[in-house]
Amino acid sequence: MVVTPATPACGISLGTDGSVTAGERHYPPVIASYQQDATGQVEIPPKRLILFPPAPQSGLRIIQACETADPNSLCWAVRLMNPTTGILQNVVAGKYGPEHWIRWSPQQRRVALFSQSEGAQWLYIVDTASGSTASYPDPSENANWQIDRESFTWSGDNAFTVKVKSCEACAFETRSFTLP
């Protein structure tokens, strides 16, 4: 779902200054990007928001802020919207933001996002309480994964399985992960 200053959706609207309103809740402006000019760094408000499906019970939602209204615009600013606390928390989910794929854990304490760049793919698991993100493969692994997104399954709020392969000629293998 897409929101622009002229087109609200799902009860969410975007102000021209980047502020977000969801129902009666008003969130501070989101910054989509920065531009350098003679006076210094200038904040660029988003021209478009991408809304991911909300968590079924809690209403938590991932949103992506895009620099322009163009469908090919950079949308690297990612936030976790919490309707209970009124906080828009910065979330790390790839250099250029996540693809349009999301999986909420059973108790919605975590959310899985997917990103790809230059042939490599990553899963980002976000803790919805703290906003901290774990990435798979772990950066220390120095691996380029191909991920079978359809195989992703939560086996509880702190564990998941997914099929991955680490080379083009390799077969997919099921990997299981337990989060701290």
C-alpha atoms as a PDB file:
ATOM      1  CA  MET A   1       0.000   0.000   0.000  1.00  0.00           C
ATOM      2  CA  VAL A   2       1.314   3.463  -0.898  1.00  0.00           C
ATOM      3  CA  VAL A   3       0.673   6.782   0.879  1.00  0.00           C
ATOM      4  CA  THR A   4       1.516  10.231  -0.521  1.00  0.00           C
ATOM      5  CA  PRO A   5       0.614  13.669   0.842  1.00  0.00           C
ATOM      6  CA  ALA A   6      -2.318  13.688  -1.604  1.00  0.00           C
ATOM      7  CA  THR A   7      -3.433  10.068  -1.085  1.00  0.00           C
ATOM      8  CA  PRO A   8      -3.832   8.666   2.433  1.00  0.00           C
ATOM      9  CA  ALA A   9      -4.430   4.918   2.820  1.00  0.00           C
ATOM     10  CA  CYS A  10      -5.361   2.503   5.609  1.00  0.00           C
ATOM     11  CA  GLY A  11      -6.087   5.439   7.940  1.00  0.00           C
ATOM     12  CA  ILE A  12      -2.525   6.759   7.505  1.00  0.00           C
ATOM     13  CA  SER A  13      -1.631  10.115   6.002  1.00  0.00           C
ATOM     14  CA  LEU A  14       1.656  11.812   5.137  1.00  0.00           C
ATOM     15  CA  GLY A  15       2.245  15.531   5.670  1.00  0.00           C
ATOM     16  CA  THR A  16       4.368  17.547   3.252  1.00  0.00           C
ATOM     17  CA  ASP A  17       6.869  17.986   6.114  1.00  0.00           C
ATOM     18  CA  GLY A  18       7.178  14.181   6.485  1.00  0.00           C
ATOM     19  CA  SER A  19       4.916  13.926   9.527  1.00  0.00           C
ATOM     20  CA  VAL A  20       2.759  10.813   9.734  1.00  0.00           C
ATOM     21  CA  THR A  21      -0.756  10.549  11.135  1.00  0.00           C
ATOM     22  CA  ALA A  22      -2.386   7.195  11.854  1.00  0.00           C
ATOM     23  CA  GLY A  23      -5.936   7.567  13.113  1.00  0.00           C
ATOM     24  CA  GLU A  24      -5.718   9.991  16.044  1.00  0.00           C
ATOM     25  CA  ARG A  25      -1.991   9.354  16.568  1.00  0.00           C
ATOM     26  CA  HIS A  26       0.467  11.951  15.255  1.00  0.00           C
ATOM     27  CA  TYR A  27       4.066  10.910  14.664  1.00  0.00           C
ATOM     28  CA  PRO A  28       7.027  13.256  14.190  1.00  0.00           C
ATOM     29  CA  PRO A  29       8.380  13.855  10.682  1.00  0.00           C
ATOM     30  CA  VAL A  30      10.290  11.073   8.990  1.00  0.00           C
ATOM     31  CA  ILE A  31      13.385  12.041   7.030  1.00  0.00           C
ATOM     32  CA  ALA A  32      13.730  10.170   3.730  1.00  0.00           C
ATOM     33  CA  SER A  33      17.142  11.537   2.805  1.00  0.00           C
ATOM     34  CA  TYR A  34      19.618  14.370   3.213  1.00  0.00           C
ATOM     35  CA  GLN A  35      20.990  16.804   0.674  1.00  0.00           C
ATOM     36  CA  GLN A  36      24.110  18.918   1.003  1.00  0.00           C
ATOM     37  CA  ASP A  37      23.879  22.583   0.072  1.00  0.00           C
ATOM     38  CA  ALA A  38      25.792  25.793   0.849  1.00  0.00           C
ATOM     39  CA  THR A  39      24.166  26.056   4.298  1.00  0.00           C
ATOM     40  CA  GLY A  40      24.929  22.452   5.269  1.00  0.00           C
ATOM     41  CA  GLN A  41      22.902  19.284   5.392  1.00  0.00           C
ATOM     42  CA  VAL A  42      19.213  19.691   4.491  1.00  0.00           C
ATOM     43  CA  GLU A  43      16.612  17.116   5.540  1.00  0.00           C
ATOM     44  CA  ILE A  44      14.418  15.793   2.713  1.00  0.00           C
ATOM     45  CA  PRO A  45      10.929  14.670   3.802  1.00  0.00           C
ATOM     46  CA  PRO A  46       9.420  11.640   2.070  1.00  0.00           C
ATOM     47  CA  LYS A  47       7.170  12.095  -0.936  1.00  0.00           C
ATOM     48  CA  ARG A  48       5.806   8.561  -0.589  1.00  0.00           C
ATOM     49  CA  LEU A  49       5.419   5.920   2.127  1.00  0.00           C
ATOM     50  CA  ILE A  50       5.190   2.207   1.530  1.00  0.00           C
ATOM     51  CA  LEU A  51       3.016   0.462   4.124  1.00  0.00           C
ATOM     52  CA  PHE A  52       3.739  -3.160   4.924  1.00  0.00           C
ATOM     53  CA  PRO A  53       0.893  -5.333   6.275  1.00  0.00           C
ATOM     54  CA  PRO A  54       0.425  -4.710  10.016  1.00  0.00           C
ATOM     55  CA  ALA A  55       0.905  -7.276  12.752  1.00  0.00           C
ATOM     56  CA  PRO A  56      -2.514  -8.926  13.159  1.00  0.00           C
ATOM     57  CA  GLN A  57      -2.951  -8.446  16.925  1.00  0.00           C
ATOM     58  CA  SER A  58      -0.749  -5.493  17.902  1.00  0.00           C
ATOM     59  CA  GLY A  59      -1.132  -3.298  14.819  1.00  0.00           C
ATOM     60  CA  LEU A  60       2.644  -2.764  14.628  1.00  0.00           C
ATOM     61  CA  ARG A  61       3.599  -1.813  11.087  1.00  0.00           C
ATOM     62  CA  ILE A  62       6.741  -1.413   9.011  1.00  0.00           C
ATOM     63  CA  ILE A  63       6.808   1.678   6.807  1.00  0.00           C
ATOM     64  CA  GLN A  64       9.359   2.774   4.212  1.00  0.00           C
ATOM     65  CA  ALA A  65       9.923   6.443   3.425  1.00  0.00           C
ATOM     66  CA  CYS A  66      10.809   7.248  -0.189  1.00  0.00           C
ATOM     67  CA  GLU A  67      12.704  10.270  -1.490  1.00  0.00           C
ATOM     68  CA  THR A  68      10.312  10.871  -4.397  1.00  0.00           C
ATOM     69  CA  ALA A  69       6.856   9.724  -5.494  1.00  0.00           C
ATOM     70  CA  ASP A  70       8.435   7.782  -8.382  1.00  0.00           C
ATOM     71  CA  PRO A  71       8.020   3.985  -8.030  1.00  0.00           C
ATOM     72  CA  ASN A  72      11.798   3.566  -8.596  1.00  0.00           C
ATOM     73  CA  SER A  73      12.740   6.072  -5.885  1.00  0.00           C
ATOM     74  CA  LEU A  74      15.165   5.169  -3.112  1.00  0.00           C
ATOM     75  CA  CYS A  75      13.224   4.046  -0.040  1.00  0.00           C
ATOM     76  CA  TRP A  76      15.994   3.309   2.422  1.00  0.00           C
ATOM     77  CA  ALA A  77      14.432   4.998   5.495  1.00  0.00           C
ATOM     78  CA  VAL A  78      12.576   2.199   7.319  1.00  0.00           C
ATOM     79  CA  ARG A  79      10.537   2.623  10.509  1.00  0.00           C
ATOM     80  CA  LEU A  80       8.579   0.421  12.886  1.00  0.00           C
ATOM     81  CA  MET A  81       5.304   2.196  13.680  1.00  0.00           C
ATOM     82  CA  ASN A  82       3.930   1.419  17.125  1.00  0.00           C
ATOM     83  CA  PRO A  83       0.289   2.527  17.509  1.00  0.00           C
ATOM     84  CA  THR A  84       0.370   1.925  21.283  1.00  0.00           C
ATOM     85  CA  THR A  85       3.440   4.006  22.156  1.00  0.00           C
ATOM     86  CA  GLY A  86       3.265   6.484  19.271  1.00  0.00           C
ATOM     87  CA  ILE A  87       6.884   5.800  18.390  1.00  0.00           C
ATOM     88  CA  LEU A  88       8.312   5.549  14.878  1.00  0.00           C
ATOM     89  CA  GLN A  89      11.482   3.583  15.500  1.00  0.00           C
ATOM     90  CA  ASN A  90      14.356   3.522  13.009  1.00  0.00           C
ATOM     91  CA  VAL A  91      14.910  -0.012  11.694  1.00  0.00           C
ATOM     92  CA  VAL A  92      17.843  -1.403   9.731  1.00  0.00           C
ATOM     93  CA  ALA A  93      16.722  -3.604   6.845  1.00  0.00           C
ATOM     94  CA  GLY A  94      19.303  -3.454   4.073  1.00  0.00           C
ATOM     95  CA  LYS A  95      21.314  -0.725   2.450  1.00  0.00           C
ATOM     96  CA  TYR A  96      18.397   0.378   0.253  1.00  0.00           C
ATOM     97  CA  GLY A  97      15.570  -0.912   2.443  1.00  0.00           C
ATOM     98  CA  PRO A  98      13.665  -4.185   2.333  1.00  0.00           C
ATOM     99  CA  GLU A  99      11.768  -5.801  -0.499  1.00  0.00           C
ATOM    100  CA  HIS A 100       7.984  -5.971  -0.153  1.00  0.00           C
ATOM    101  CA  TRP A 101       7.991  -9.178   1.916  1.00  0.00           C
ATOM    102  CA  ILE A 102       7.295  -9.503   5.638  1.00  0.00           C
ATOM    103  CA  ARG A 103       6.715 -12.263   8.200  1.00  0.00           C
ATOM    104  CA  TRP A 104       5.545 -11.527  11.747  1.00  0.00           C
ATOM    105  CA  SER A 105       6.503 -13.982  14.492  1.00  0.00           C
ATOM    106  CA  PRO A 106       3.603 -15.737  16.275  1.00  0.00           C
ATOM    107  CA  GLN A 107       3.529 -13.300  19.239  1.00  0.00           C
ATOM    108  CA  GLN A 108       4.678 -10.388  17.016  1.00  0.00           C
ATOM    109  CA  ARG A 109       7.788  -9.832  19.119  1.00  0.00           C
ATOM    110  CA  ARG A 110       9.860 -10.032  15.953  1.00  0.00           C
ATOM    111  CA  VAL A 111       9.418  -9.321  12.287  1.00  0.00           C
ATOM    112  CA  ALA A 112      11.408 -10.754   9.364  1.00  0.00           C
ATOM    113  CA  LEU A 113      12.258  -8.555   6.383  1.00  0.00           C
ATOM    114  CA  PHE A 114      14.106  -9.447   3.173  1.00  0.00           C
ATOM    115  CA  SER A 115      16.622  -7.421   1.187  1.00  0.00           C
ATOM    116  CA  GLN A 116      18.767  -8.022  -1.866  1.00  0.00           C
ATOM    117  CA  SER A 117      21.529  -6.133  -3.591  1.00  0.00           C
ATOM    118  CA  GLU A 118      24.008  -7.040  -6.298  1.00  0.00           C
ATOM    119  CA  GLY A 119      22.957 -10.700  -6.357  1.00  0.00           C
ATOM    120  CA  ALA A 120      23.181 -11.320  -2.605  1.00  0.00           C
ATOM    121  CA  GLN A 121      20.175 -11.676  -0.294  1.00  0.00           C
ATOM    122  CA  TRP A 122      19.675 -11.117   3.436  1.00  0.00           C
ATOM    123  CA  LEU A 123      17.077 -11.670   6.105  1.00  0.00           C
ATOM    124  CA  TYR A 124      16.699  -8.994   8.772  1.00  0.00           C
ATOM    125  CA  ILE A 125      15.020  -9.986  12.018  1.00  0.00           C
ATOM    126  CA  VAL A 126      13.789  -6.965  13.966  1.00  0.00           C
ATOM    127  CA  ASP A 127      13.019  -7.115  17.693  1.00  0.00           C
ATOM    128  CA  THR A 128       9.784  -5.101  17.935  1.00  0.00           C
ATOM    129  CA  ALA A 129      10.431  -4.038  21.557  1.00  0.00           C
ATOM    130  CA  SER A 130      13.951  -2.660  21.108  1.00  0.00           C
ATOM    131  CA  GLY A 131      14.149  -2.073  17.347  1.00  0.00           C
ATOM    132  CA  SER A 132      17.458  -3.949  17.226  1.00  0.00           C
ATOM    133  CA  THR A 133      18.110  -5.928  14.065  1.00  0.00           C
ATOM    134  CA  ALA A 134      19.973  -9.167  13.433  1.00  0.00           C
ATOM    135  CA  SER A 135      21.015  -9.936   9.855  1.00  0.00           C
ATOM    136  CA  TYR A 136      21.337 -13.338   8.195  1.00  0.00           C
ATOM    137  CA  PRO A 137      23.821 -14.266   6.970  1.00  0.00           C
ATOM    138  CA  ASP A 138      25.749 -12.703   9.805  1.00  0.00           C
ATOM    139  CA  PRO A 139      28.258 -10.156   8.438  1.00  0.00           C
ATOM    140  CA  SER A 140      31.099 -12.175  10.002  1.00  0.00           C
ATOM    141  CA  GLU A 141      30.082 -15.153   7.831  1.00  0.00           C
ATOM    142  CA  ASN A 142      31.083 -13.225   4.682  1.00  0.00           C
ATOM    143  CA  ALA A 143      28.589 -15.225   2.598  1.00  0.00           C
ATOM    144  CA  ASN A 144      26.376 -14.398  -0.358  1.00  0.00           C
ATOM    145  CA  TRP A 145      23.130 -16.215   0.176  1.00  0.00           C
ATOM    146  CA  GLN A 146      20.266 -16.980  -2.132  1.00  0.00           C
ATOM    147  CA  ILE A 147      17.157 -17.327   0.052  1.00  0.00           C
ATOM    148  CA  ASP A 148      14.006 -19.303  -0.660  1.00  0.00           C
ATOM    149  CA  ARG A 149      11.606 -16.797   0.918  1.00  0.00           C
ATOM    150  CA  GLU A 150       8.654 -19.154   0.612  1.00  0.00           C
ATOM    151  CA  SER A 151      10.442 -21.653   2.863  1.00  0.00           C
ATOM    152  CA  PHE A 152      10.742 -19.162   5.744  1.00  0.00           C
ATOM    153  CA  THR A 153       8.881 -20.416   8.823  1.00  0.00           C
ATOM    154  CA  TRP A 154       8.753 -19.159  12.390  1.00  0.00           C
ATOM    155  CA  SER A 155       9.052 -22.041  14.856  1.00  0.00           C
ATOM    156  CA  GLY A 156       8.292 -19.744  17.786  1.00  0.00           C
ATOM    157  CA  ASP A 157       8.948 -16.087  18.552  1.00  0.00           C
ATOM    158  CA  ASN A 158      12.688 -16.727  18.910  1.00  0.00           C
ATOM    159  CA  ALA A 159      13.406 -19.268  16.189  1.00  0.00           C
ATOM    160  CA  PHE A 160      12.964 -19.747  12.473  1.00  0.00           C
ATOM    161  CA  THR A 161      13.971 -22.006   9.597  1.00  0.00           C
ATOM    162  CA  VAL A 162      14.700 -21.063   6.015  1.00  0.00           C
ATOM    163  CA  LYS A 163      16.246 -22.677   2.946  1.00  0.00           C
ATOM    164  CA  VAL A 164      19.410 -20.990   1.662  1.00  0.00           C
ATOM    165  CA  LYS A 165      22.214 -21.706  -0.729  1.00  0.00           C
ATOM    166  CA  SER A 166      25.644 -20.102  -0.729  1.00  0.00           C
ATOM    167  CA  CYS A 167      26.578 -20.584  -4.375  1.00  0.00           C
ATOM    168  CA  GLU A 168      24.801 -20.701  -7.714  1.00  0.00           C
ATOM    169  CA  ALA A 169      25.478 -24.412  -8.240  1.00  0.00           C
ATOM    170  CA  CYS A 170      24.733 -25.371  -4.629  1.00  0.00           C
ATOM    171  CA  ALA A 171      21.471 -26.983  -3.566  1.00  0.00           C
ATOM    172  CA  PHE A 172      19.212 -25.231  -1.084  1.00  0.00           C
ATOM    173  CA  GLU A 173      19.739 -26.429   2.473  1.00  0.00           C
ATOM    174  CA  THR A 174      17.416 -25.880   5.421  1.00  0.00           C
ATOM    175  CA  ARG A 175      18.979 -23.765   8.158  1.00  0.00           C
ATOM    176  CA  SER A 176      17.549 -23.248  11.628  1.00  0.00           C
ATOM    177  CA  PHE A 177      18.254 -20.213  13.799  1.00  0.00           C
ATOM    178  CA  THR A 178      17.518 -19.442  17.438  1.00  0.00           C
ATOM    179  CA  LEU A 179      17.561 -15.783  18.366  1.00  0.00           C
ATOM    180  CA  PRO A 180      19.010 -14.489  21.642  1.00  0.00           C
END
